[in-house]
Every structure is written in C-alpha cells, then in structure tokens.
Amino acid sequence: MSTEIKVPAFGESITSGLLSAWLKQNGDVVEDGEPLLSIETDKISSDVPAPASGRLVIQTEAGQEVQIGQVVGLLEPVTEDSKSEPSKAKPSVEPVATVPAEPKQPPVVPPVIEEKPLSPAVRRLVEEEKVPVDQVQGTGKGGMVTKGDVMAYLENREKKTPAPPAAEHAVTTVPPSVSTPAVEERLTRKKMSPLRRKIAAQLVLAQQNAAMLTTFNECDMTEVMALRSQYQESFQKRHGVKLGFMSFFIKAVVEALQTVPAVNARIDGDDLIENHYFDIGVAVGTEKGLVVPVVRDADRKSFAELEKAVGGYAVKAREGKLQLDDLTGGVFTITNGGIYGSLLSTPILNPPQSGILGMHKIQNRPVAIGDKIEIRPMMYLALSYDHRAVDGKEAVTFLVRVKECIEDPTRLLLQG
C-alpha cells in the first residue's frame, strides 16, 4: 500500500508554502525519516522527512505553491526483487487517453486584432526593432506572439530586404560569415519566495503603522576589543566558543532596557503593553533573506551562553532548520550591518516591537580624548524606535546607556 507524502503543519498562522526542492529524484528508494523535500514558508525553511520507506513518486514539481496537508507525492512499497530492477515509478502526470488520428486540417489563423497581448520581453523587442505586431503570426497560447515569433519575423525580413548600394567611400564592412547576434533577455522575472514576501510585508507594515524615528550615537570600541584580546584564548578553551561582539551588545541592550522600560513596550490597539522579560532578537542574514531568531531570557544568560545561542541560531538559519518557535516572541532586535561593511544606516522596526538597534562597521577615526586627538576604533550606533510608545528623551537615554556599557564593559563581563 502506498504512503502519501503530505505538507506538514508549521504553525497555526501558516497555511501554505513553497515546495522549494525535492532532495531525492523521482523513482529513488528512500528510507523512513530520510530528508525528502524542502518547504519554504513566510517564516521558516524546513526539510521534511520521509514518512515511510519506499520508492518515490513525485506528484508536485519543485517551485509550486502548496497548501498545508496537500499530498505532493507517494512512497510505493519496495520488494526485494524490485530493488535491483530499474525504476518503475509512476509518472507524476497521468497519461492522457489516445485519441484516434483525424485528417490533418490546415492551421486556423487567428483573426488579427488591433492590439495583441505581449509579454514584457516581447514588447521590449518589438519596440526596439520597430516590428509591426499585426504582421507577426503568433504561435503561443490563444495566438499570443512569442519571442520566437518575433525573431522569425526579423530573420525573414532581413532575407527579403535588398542590400543597400555600396557607398562611394565605404567604411568597414562586415564579412557575410558574421551573423547578427540575437537579442538577449535583459531582465529576469520570477516570483518572490514566501520568506521574501513576508519580509517585504513586514517592512511596509512597520513604516505605515508606526511613528518611526531614528537617533544616532557613536561608541569607542577600544575597551571591548582589549577585553576580547585579553580573554579570548582562555574563554575559548573553557567554553568551546569564541567571545564575539554580539554578546557585549546583547548585555548592553538588556541593561539599557532595564534602565529605560519604555523601550521594552509595544502598542496593541489603544493599550500599551510593558514587557518584563528580555527575549532579544538577533538578525541573521541568509541566502534566502533576513531572519530574526530570538535569544530567550538574555538577562539570565552568561556571555558564553549568549555566544552559543547566537552561533547556534546562525548555523540553523543557514541550514534552513529554524523552527517557528525560534522566531517569535522577541521584545527588541539587534541587527549588525557592519559585517557587510555598512558605516551608517537607519534600521526598520520589527513589528510589533518598539525598538531596534543597528550596529555598524568599526572604523579607526580621530577623536578628542581630553585635550588630545587620538585614533580610536569607533562604531556608529542607530536606534530606530516607535515614537508613539517611546519619547525622544527616553530613546536618547537608552542609546547613551548602550554606549556607556560598551565603552566600559568590565562590569558587564563580571556580571556574565
């Protein structure tokens, strides 16, 4: 008896996804629990294991939108004899009944209409080559003119056009053997992935529904860099993980949230909800887009625990193994554009949160230290906040507190 391969549920709010890839070929013999296909939703990308052992019969090809619970394939039973035989898996498309051949009729030429529907690529080619569309025979669905139809028309037109008389003082002539290169596509159109659509919707939502404002400051990274250099070797030997910058900023953000509770709040209709916990989101870039896994109870974690949590999430994100619970419930977000070389930016809020901190590239700059000018490793900080929940004074106080913690990190390190 065949076993159905269904799209599993990923959470109450997720009703569909993209079947991004089959990890096995049609007709392959797979084992129970073996990764079988990848589903990408608007929140996570996850590999789906085989529900049983058997020979794979693909019914829905990769790249299709699928619904939760939809059957996308089958696993046929495999006998000992069939294991050594070539694949006899059923085709993904049922064969169509053969219709008796009828006498061939001449093709029916669709009537010429005033304006034929054209794809963007065909329209661009028609405009560039000044092709009269009403003279082009369309071979596409419903008589639509395709790019091949236009190219055939151009080739036929070139053959019929007589060569111009030789000029008295000819410039450089092209040898007859050299053919005119075909016009290539100058753009690619493809559907956005569910994750990219979700990111786009969230960014627009944040700008439309929040009174977003950004305040800036800069911090001297000298002390943090010195501490990392001093304790890096012993820290790594003891905990098995490197001491990075992110753990310092998470600790500094927690300290600032405790100092300015207004930033640790969110608006829900006419209510202002104050959070009394510190689940901090850390933005992670992947090939498919930006995701924000959440470090739970960051105020209770040591530096080593924070580094392990952030590192673990980064690996899971790039391998597409993040779960829905990993991405929900954050109260504040930290994003680090500095790893890509960004010197300054205005980060966009992650709804329904009221604040997001943007870290940037560390750059040696001359700064005034007392009465002297010194070269210091400086980083610009940006705090975007919802002005409906957070006043300007509170936002500036929050960012200054982060700056103070980074420039004097000894107390933070002793705490964690």
Protein backbone atom coordinates (compact mmCIF):
# COMPACT_ATOMS: atom_id res chain seq x y z
CA MET A 1 0.00 0.00 0.00
CA SER A 2 1.33 3.44 -0.96
CA THR A 3 2.12 6.08 1.67
CA GLU A 4 1.08 9.66 0.95
CA ILE A 5 3.64 12.45 1.32
CA LYS A 6 1.80 15.45 2.79
CA VAL A 7 2.91 19.00 3.52
CA PRO A 8 3.16 19.16 7.34
CA ALA A 9 1.81 21.94 9.53
CA PHE A 10 4.39 24.52 10.62
CA GLY A 11 2.23 26.67 12.90
CA GLU A 12 -1.30 27.96 13.28
CA SER A 13 -0.66 31.10 11.22
CA ILE A 14 0.94 29.27 8.28
CA THR A 15 -1.48 27.91 5.65
CA SER A 16 0.76 27.46 2.62
CA GLY A 17 4.36 27.34 1.48
CA LEU A 18 6.68 26.88 -1.47
CA LEU A 19 7.93 23.41 -2.40
CA SER A 20 11.42 24.74 -2.99
CA ALA A 21 13.22 21.45 -3.76
CA TRP A 22 12.97 17.68 -3.84
CA LEU A 23 16.02 16.21 -2.14
CA LYS A 24 15.51 12.87 -3.94
CA GLN A 25 14.83 12.05 -7.58
CA ASN A 26 11.59 10.58 -8.89
CA GLY A 27 11.91 6.78 -8.60
CA ASP A 28 14.58 6.82 -5.89
CA VAL A 29 14.27 4.39 -2.99
CA VAL A 30 14.22 6.34 0.28
CA GLU A 31 14.34 5.28 3.93
CA ASP A 32 11.91 6.26 6.67
CA GLY A 33 12.99 9.57 8.24
CA GLU A 34 15.39 10.48 5.43
CA PRO A 35 15.19 14.17 4.32
CA LEU A 36 12.86 14.15 1.33
CA LEU A 37 11.85 17.69 0.33
CA SER A 38 12.25 21.32 1.39
CA ILE A 39 9.30 23.58 2.16
CA GLU A 40 9.76 27.34 2.43
CA THR A 41 7.11 29.36 4.24
CA ASP A 42 6.84 33.06 5.01
CA LYS A 43 8.62 32.43 8.31
CA ILE A 44 10.93 29.41 8.03
CA SER A 45 12.50 26.99 5.57
CA SER A 46 12.44 23.36 6.65
CA ASP A 47 13.34 19.91 5.34
CA VAL A 48 10.50 17.36 5.50
CA PRO A 49 11.49 13.75 6.32
CA ALA A 50 10.07 10.72 4.53
CA PRO A 51 7.03 9.37 6.42
CA ALA A 52 7.95 5.80 5.46
CA SER A 53 10.34 3.76 3.34
CA GLY A 54 9.58 3.19 -0.33
CA ARG A 55 10.09 4.26 -3.91
CA LEU A 56 9.41 7.95 -4.51
CA VAL A 57 6.67 9.06 -6.90
CA ILE A 58 6.68 12.85 -7.30
CA GLN A 59 3.27 14.37 -7.99
CA THR A 60 4.01 18.06 -7.47
CA GLU A 61 7.15 19.52 -9.01
CA ALA A 62 9.52 21.87 -7.17
CA GLY A 63 8.74 25.57 -7.39
CA GLN A 64 4.99 25.15 -6.82
CA GLU A 65 2.91 26.79 -4.08
CA VAL A 66 1.44 24.06 -1.86
CA GLN A 67 -1.14 24.04 0.93
CA ILE A 68 -0.70 22.55 4.39
CA GLY A 69 -1.90 18.94 4.24
CA GLN A 70 -1.62 18.72 0.45
CA VAL A 71 -0.40 15.39 -0.99
CA VAL A 72 2.70 16.11 -3.09
CA GLY A 73 3.91 12.57 -3.72
CA LEU A 74 3.73 8.89 -2.85
CA LEU A 75 6.04 6.23 -1.46
CA GLU A 76 5.38 2.92 -3.23
CA PRO A 77 6.22 -0.35 -1.45
CA VAL A 78 9.56 -1.85 -2.49
CA THR A 79 10.01 -5.63 -2.68
CA GLU A 80 13.34 -7.41 -2.62
CA ASP A 81 13.02 -8.20 -6.33
CA SER A 82 12.20 -4.63 -7.33
CA LYS A 83 15.24 -3.18 -5.57
CA SER A 84 17.52 -4.47 -8.29
CA GLU A 85 15.15 -3.56 -11.12
CA PRO A 86 15.18 -0.21 -12.89
CA SER A 87 12.82 2.37 -11.52
CA LYS A 88 9.19 1.73 -12.45
CA ALA A 89 7.77 4.64 -10.53
CA LYS A 90 4.55 6.02 -11.78
CA PRO A 91 4.90 9.23 -13.74
CA SER A 92 3.92 12.38 -11.95
CA VAL A 93 1.38 13.13 -14.70
CA GLU A 94 -1.30 10.59 -15.60
CA PRO A 95 -1.19 9.51 -19.29
CA VAL A 96 -3.85 11.01 -21.48
CA ALA A 97 -6.13 8.67 -23.41
CA THR A 98 -5.11 8.30 -27.06
CA VAL A 99 -7.48 9.99 -29.48
CA PRO A 100 -7.85 8.41 -32.96
CA ALA A 101 -5.98 10.39 -35.55
CA GLU A 102 -8.10 12.65 -37.69
CA PRO A 103 -7.28 14.03 -41.10
CA LYS A 104 -4.92 16.92 -40.72
CA GLN A 105 -6.57 20.25 -41.18
CA PRO A 106 -4.74 23.39 -42.19
CA PRO A 107 -3.90 25.51 -39.19
CA VAL A 108 -6.52 28.06 -38.32
CA VAL A 109 -5.08 31.55 -38.47
CA PRO A 110 -6.44 33.58 -35.57
CA PRO A 111 -8.06 36.81 -36.61
CA VAL A 112 -5.89 39.87 -36.42
CA ILE A 113 -6.84 42.13 -33.56
CA GLU A 114 -5.91 45.72 -33.09
CA GLU A 115 -3.55 45.08 -30.20
CA LYS A 116 -2.15 41.68 -29.26
CA PRO A 117 -1.19 40.92 -25.66
CA LEU A 118 2.59 40.82 -25.32
CA SER A 119 4.93 39.76 -22.53
CA PRO A 120 7.36 42.43 -21.25
CA ALA A 121 10.32 40.78 -23.03
CA VAL A 122 8.45 40.54 -26.36
CA ARG A 123 7.15 44.12 -26.06
CA ARG A 124 10.68 45.42 -25.49
CA LEU A 125 11.95 43.51 -28.55
CA VAL A 126 9.05 44.79 -30.67
CA GLU A 127 9.71 48.38 -29.64
CA GLU A 128 13.48 48.17 -30.18
CA GLU A 129 13.20 46.54 -33.62
CA LYS A 130 10.08 48.53 -34.65
CA VAL A 131 8.15 45.39 -35.55
CA PRO A 132 4.51 45.76 -36.76
CA VAL A 133 2.83 43.29 -34.43
CA ASP A 134 -0.20 42.85 -36.66
CA GLN A 135 2.09 41.28 -39.29
CA VAL A 136 3.56 38.67 -36.91
CA GLN A 137 1.89 35.26 -36.77
CA GLY A 138 1.51 34.27 -33.09
CA THR A 139 2.08 30.63 -32.20
CA GLY A 140 1.61 30.93 -28.45
CA LYS A 141 -1.46 30.08 -26.43
CA GLY A 142 -4.52 31.78 -27.87
CA GLY A 143 -2.47 33.21 -30.73
CA MET A 144 -0.12 35.14 -28.41
CA VAL A 145 3.04 36.42 -30.10
CA THR A 146 6.15 34.85 -28.58
CA LYS A 147 9.77 35.95 -28.72
CA GLY A 148 10.46 33.16 -31.23
CA ASP A 149 7.72 34.51 -33.50
CA VAL A 150 9.30 37.97 -33.48
CA MET A 151 12.80 36.58 -34.11
CA ALA A 152 11.46 34.52 -37.04
CA TYR A 153 9.78 37.62 -38.47
CA LEU A 154 13.01 39.62 -38.17
CA GLU A 155 15.05 36.87 -39.81
CA ASN A 156 12.56 36.63 -42.69
CA ARG A 157 12.51 40.42 -43.07
CA GLU A 158 16.31 40.55 -43.32
CA LYS A 159 16.26 37.95 -46.10
CA LYS A 160 13.69 39.95 -48.09
CA THR A 161 15.37 43.32 -47.61
CA PRO A 162 17.79 44.06 -50.53
CA ALA A 163 21.28 45.09 -49.59
CA PRO A 164 21.85 48.86 -49.89
CA PRO A 165 24.11 50.06 -52.74
CA ALA A 166 27.76 50.33 -51.85
CA ALA A 167 28.74 53.79 -50.75
CA GLU A 168 31.43 55.64 -52.61
CA HIS A 169 33.59 55.81 -49.54
CA ALA A 170 32.58 52.74 -47.59
CA VAL A 171 33.59 52.44 -44.01
CA THR A 172 34.26 48.94 -42.57
CA THR A 173 32.07 46.18 -44.00
CA VAL A 174 31.04 43.13 -42.02
CA PRO A 175 32.00 39.79 -43.62
CA PRO A 176 28.98 37.78 -44.78
CA SER A 177 30.01 34.93 -42.45
CA VAL A 178 29.43 37.09 -39.38
CA SER A 179 25.78 36.87 -38.30
CA THR A 180 23.92 39.44 -36.27
CA PRO A 181 23.71 38.26 -32.64
CA ALA A 182 20.26 37.52 -31.31
CA VAL A 183 18.72 39.98 -28.90
CA GLU A 184 19.21 38.56 -25.38
CA GLU A 185 16.89 38.88 -22.42
CA ARG A 186 17.84 41.91 -20.37
CA LEU A 187 15.77 41.07 -17.33
CA THR A 188 14.57 38.06 -15.39
CA ARG A 189 11.13 37.85 -13.85
CA LYS A 190 10.43 35.38 -11.05
CA LYS A 191 8.04 35.09 -8.15
CA MET A 192 9.23 36.24 -4.76
CA SER A 193 9.70 33.46 -2.23
CA PRO A 194 7.26 33.32 0.71
CA LEU A 195 10.06 34.49 3.03
CA ARG A 196 10.88 37.48 0.81
CA ARG A 197 7.17 38.37 0.55
CA LYS A 198 6.87 38.22 4.33
CA ILE A 199 9.94 40.44 4.79
CA ALA A 200 8.54 42.96 2.30
CA ALA A 201 5.15 42.99 4.03
CA GLN A 202 6.71 43.44 7.47
CA LEU A 203 8.89 46.34 6.34
CA VAL A 204 5.96 48.16 4.74
CA LEU A 205 3.80 47.42 7.81
CA ALA A 206 6.43 48.93 10.10
CA GLN A 207 6.63 52.15 8.12
CA GLN A 208 2.88 52.50 7.68
CA ASN A 209 1.74 51.65 11.21
CA ALA A 210 4.46 53.14 13.41
CA ALA A 211 5.71 56.67 14.01
CA MET A 212 9.28 55.57 13.35
CA LEU A 213 12.21 57.80 14.21
CA THR A 214 15.97 57.11 14.40
CA THR A 215 18.53 58.59 16.77
CA PHE A 216 22.30 58.13 16.37
CA ASN A 217 25.40 58.00 18.52
CA GLU A 218 28.87 56.52 18.34
CA CYS A 219 30.87 54.38 20.73
CA ASP A 220 34.55 53.77 21.28
CA MET A 221 35.27 50.04 20.88
CA THR A 222 38.75 50.22 22.44
CA GLU A 223 37.87 48.60 25.78
CA VAL A 224 35.73 45.83 24.31
CA MET A 225 38.43 44.95 21.79
CA ALA A 226 41.05 44.94 24.54
CA LEU A 227 38.95 42.62 26.73
CA ARG A 228 38.31 40.24 23.83
CA SER A 229 42.02 40.15 23.04
CA GLN A 230 42.96 39.57 26.69
CA TYR A 231 40.46 36.79 27.45
CA GLN A 232 39.81 35.25 24.03
CA GLU A 233 42.15 32.28 24.38
CA SER A 234 41.09 31.28 27.90
CA PHE A 235 37.42 31.93 27.12
CA GLN A 236 37.52 29.71 24.05
CA LYS A 237 39.34 26.90 25.88
CA ARG A 238 36.89 26.98 28.76
CA HIS A 239 33.62 27.33 26.81
CA GLY A 240 34.45 26.00 23.35
CA VAL A 241 33.20 29.14 21.62
CA LYS A 242 34.75 32.47 20.64
CA LEU A 243 33.98 35.67 22.52
CA GLY A 244 32.39 37.96 19.93
CA PHE A 245 30.98 41.47 19.91
CA MET A 246 27.32 40.42 19.84
CA SER A 247 27.26 39.13 23.42
CA PHE A 248 28.52 42.51 24.67
CA PHE A 249 25.78 44.33 22.76
CA ILE A 250 23.08 41.94 23.97
CA LYS A 251 24.18 42.55 27.55
CA ALA A 252 24.30 46.30 26.94
CA VAL A 253 20.80 46.28 25.42
CA VAL A 254 19.40 44.34 28.39
CA GLU A 255 20.98 46.88 30.75
CA ALA A 256 19.50 49.75 28.72
CA LEU A 257 16.04 48.12 28.62
CA GLN A 258 16.13 47.79 32.40
CA THR A 259 17.14 51.45 32.67
CA VAL A 260 14.50 52.68 30.18
CA PRO A 261 11.49 50.29 30.40
CA ALA A 262 9.53 52.34 27.84
CA VAL A 263 11.63 50.85 25.03
CA ASN A 264 10.64 47.37 26.27
CA ALA A 265 6.98 48.03 25.48
CA ARG A 266 4.68 47.76 22.48
CA ILE A 267 1.37 49.24 21.37
CA ASP A 268 -1.64 46.97 20.93
CA GLY A 269 -4.64 48.98 19.71
CA ASP A 270 -5.31 51.54 22.43
CA ASP A 271 -3.22 49.66 25.01
CA LEU A 272 0.45 49.98 25.89
CA ILE A 273 1.90 46.59 26.87
CA GLU A 274 5.05 46.63 29.00
CA ASN A 275 7.26 43.53 28.82
CA HIS A 276 9.05 42.37 31.95
CA TYR A 277 11.25 39.81 30.22
CA PHE A 278 14.21 40.16 27.87
CA ASP A 279 13.96 37.97 24.77
CA ILE A 280 16.30 39.66 22.30
CA GLY A 281 16.09 39.08 18.54
CA VAL A 282 19.36 38.93 16.61
CA ALA A 283 19.08 39.44 12.83
CA VAL A 284 20.88 36.79 10.76
CA GLY A 285 21.43 37.10 7.01
CA THR A 286 20.90 34.02 4.83
CA GLU A 287 20.82 33.36 1.09
CA LYS A 288 17.01 33.46 1.20
CA GLY A 289 16.69 36.63 3.25
CA LEU A 290 16.97 38.10 6.72
CA VAL A 291 15.59 36.13 9.67
CA VAL A 292 15.49 37.14 13.34
CA PRO A 293 15.87 34.24 15.79
CA VAL A 294 15.22 35.14 19.42
CA VAL A 295 17.62 34.61 22.34
CA ARG A 296 15.36 33.77 25.30
CA ASP A 297 15.93 35.29 28.77
CA ALA A 298 19.07 37.12 27.69
CA ASP A 299 19.28 38.78 31.10
CA ARG A 300 19.89 35.39 32.74
CA LYS A 301 22.50 34.10 30.28
CA SER A 302 26.25 34.35 30.62
CA PHE A 303 28.50 35.61 27.83
CA ALA A 304 29.31 32.01 26.88
CA GLU A 305 25.62 31.05 26.77
CA LEU A 306 24.81 34.07 24.61
CA GLU A 307 27.61 33.30 22.16
CA LYS A 308 26.50 29.67 21.89
CA ALA A 309 22.87 30.68 21.36
CA VAL A 310 23.68 33.23 18.65
CA GLY A 311 26.15 30.89 16.92
CA GLY A 312 23.69 28.00 17.03
CA TYR A 313 20.92 30.10 15.52
CA ALA A 314 23.23 31.32 12.75
CA VAL A 315 24.04 27.72 11.76
CA LYS A 316 20.38 26.67 11.88
CA ALA A 317 19.36 29.69 9.81
CA ARG A 318 21.86 28.98 7.04
CA GLU A 319 20.93 25.29 7.01
CA GLY A 320 17.21 26.11 6.90
CA LYS A 321 16.50 24.34 10.21
CA LEU A 322 14.97 27.17 12.21
CA GLN A 323 11.62 26.37 13.80
CA LEU A 324 8.70 28.75 14.20
CA ASP A 325 9.29 28.99 17.96
CA ASP A 326 12.84 30.24 17.28
CA LEU A 327 11.47 33.35 15.53
CA THR A 328 8.58 34.52 17.70
CA GLY A 329 8.19 36.49 20.91
CA GLY A 330 11.12 38.92 20.80
CA VAL A 331 10.86 42.26 22.60
CA PHE A 332 13.78 44.06 20.91
CA THR A 333 16.01 43.42 17.89
CA ILE A 334 19.72 43.91 17.18
CA THR A 335 20.98 44.00 13.59
CA ASN A 336 24.63 44.22 12.55
CA GLY A 337 25.13 45.78 9.14
CA GLY A 338 28.80 46.26 9.95
CA ILE A 339 29.63 42.69 8.92
CA TYR A 340 28.73 43.73 5.36
CA GLY A 341 30.69 46.99 5.57
CA SER A 342 27.82 49.37 6.39
CA LEU A 343 29.07 52.54 8.05
CA LEU A 344 25.66 54.03 8.93
CA SER A 345 22.01 53.11 8.36
CA THR A 346 18.50 53.57 9.73
CA PRO A 347 17.18 50.11 10.68
CA ILE A 348 13.46 49.43 10.26
CA LEU A 349 11.39 48.23 13.22
CA ASN A 350 10.43 44.58 13.58
CA PRO A 351 6.68 44.83 14.41
CA PRO A 352 5.22 44.85 16.99
CA GLN A 353 8.46 45.78 18.77
CA SER A 354 9.13 49.42 19.63
CA GLY A 355 12.90 49.44 19.15
CA ILE A 356 15.76 48.09 17.05
CA LEU A 357 19.49 48.75 17.45
CA GLY A 358 21.72 48.96 14.38
CA MET A 359 25.41 48.12 14.77
CA HIS A 360 27.86 49.20 12.08
CA LYS A 361 31.40 48.87 10.83
CA ILE A 362 34.26 49.52 13.26
CA GLN A 363 36.44 52.21 11.73
CA ASN A 364 39.56 53.94 13.03
CA ARG A 365 38.79 57.66 13.33
CA PRO A 366 40.42 60.66 15.05
CA VAL A 367 38.56 61.59 18.24
CA ALA A 368 39.16 64.09 21.01
CA ILE A 369 40.35 62.38 24.20
CA GLY A 370 40.78 65.12 26.80
CA ASP A 371 42.98 67.72 25.18
CA LYS A 372 44.46 65.28 22.65
CA ILE A 373 43.43 63.87 19.30
CA GLU A 374 43.74 60.09 19.15
CA ILE A 375 42.92 57.42 16.61
CA ARG A 376 40.27 55.12 18.09
CA PRO A 377 38.18 52.22 16.73
CA MET A 378 34.74 53.81 16.54
CA MET A 379 31.31 52.41 15.69
CA TYR A 380 28.18 54.34 14.79
CA LEU A 381 25.03 53.16 16.59
CA ALA A 382 21.49 53.75 15.37
CA LEU A 383 18.32 53.27 17.41
CA SER A 384 15.04 53.27 15.48
CA TYR A 385 12.00 53.46 17.73
CA ASP A 386 8.24 53.86 17.66
CA HIS A 387 7.67 57.44 18.77
CA ARG A 388 4.10 56.56 19.83
CA ALA A 389 5.47 54.44 22.69
CA VAL A 390 8.89 56.00 23.26
CA ASP A 391 9.65 59.67 23.76
CA GLY A 392 12.77 61.24 22.29
CA LYS A 393 14.36 61.69 25.72
CA GLU A 394 13.85 58.01 26.53
CA ALA A 395 15.29 56.92 23.19
CA VAL A 396 18.40 59.07 23.60
CA THR A 397 18.85 57.88 27.20
CA PHE A 398 18.59 54.27 26.03
CA LEU A 399 21.23 54.70 23.32
CA VAL A 400 23.59 56.60 25.64
CA ARG A 401 23.28 53.72 28.16
CA VAL A 402 24.25 51.22 25.45
CA LYS A 403 27.23 53.42 24.57
CA GLU A 404 28.33 53.63 28.23
CA CYS A 405 28.16 49.85 28.66
CA ILE A 406 30.23 49.21 25.54
CA GLU A 407 32.85 51.82 26.42
CA ASP A 408 33.16 50.45 30.00
CA PRO A 409 32.36 46.73 29.59
CA THR A 410 34.20 45.42 32.66
CA ARG A 411 31.09 45.47 34.84
CA LEU A 412 29.06 43.66 32.19
CA LEU A 413 31.75 40.99 31.84
CA LEU A 414 31.91 40.47 35.61
CA GLN A 415 28.12 40.09 35.70
CA GLY A 416 28.08 37.45 32.95
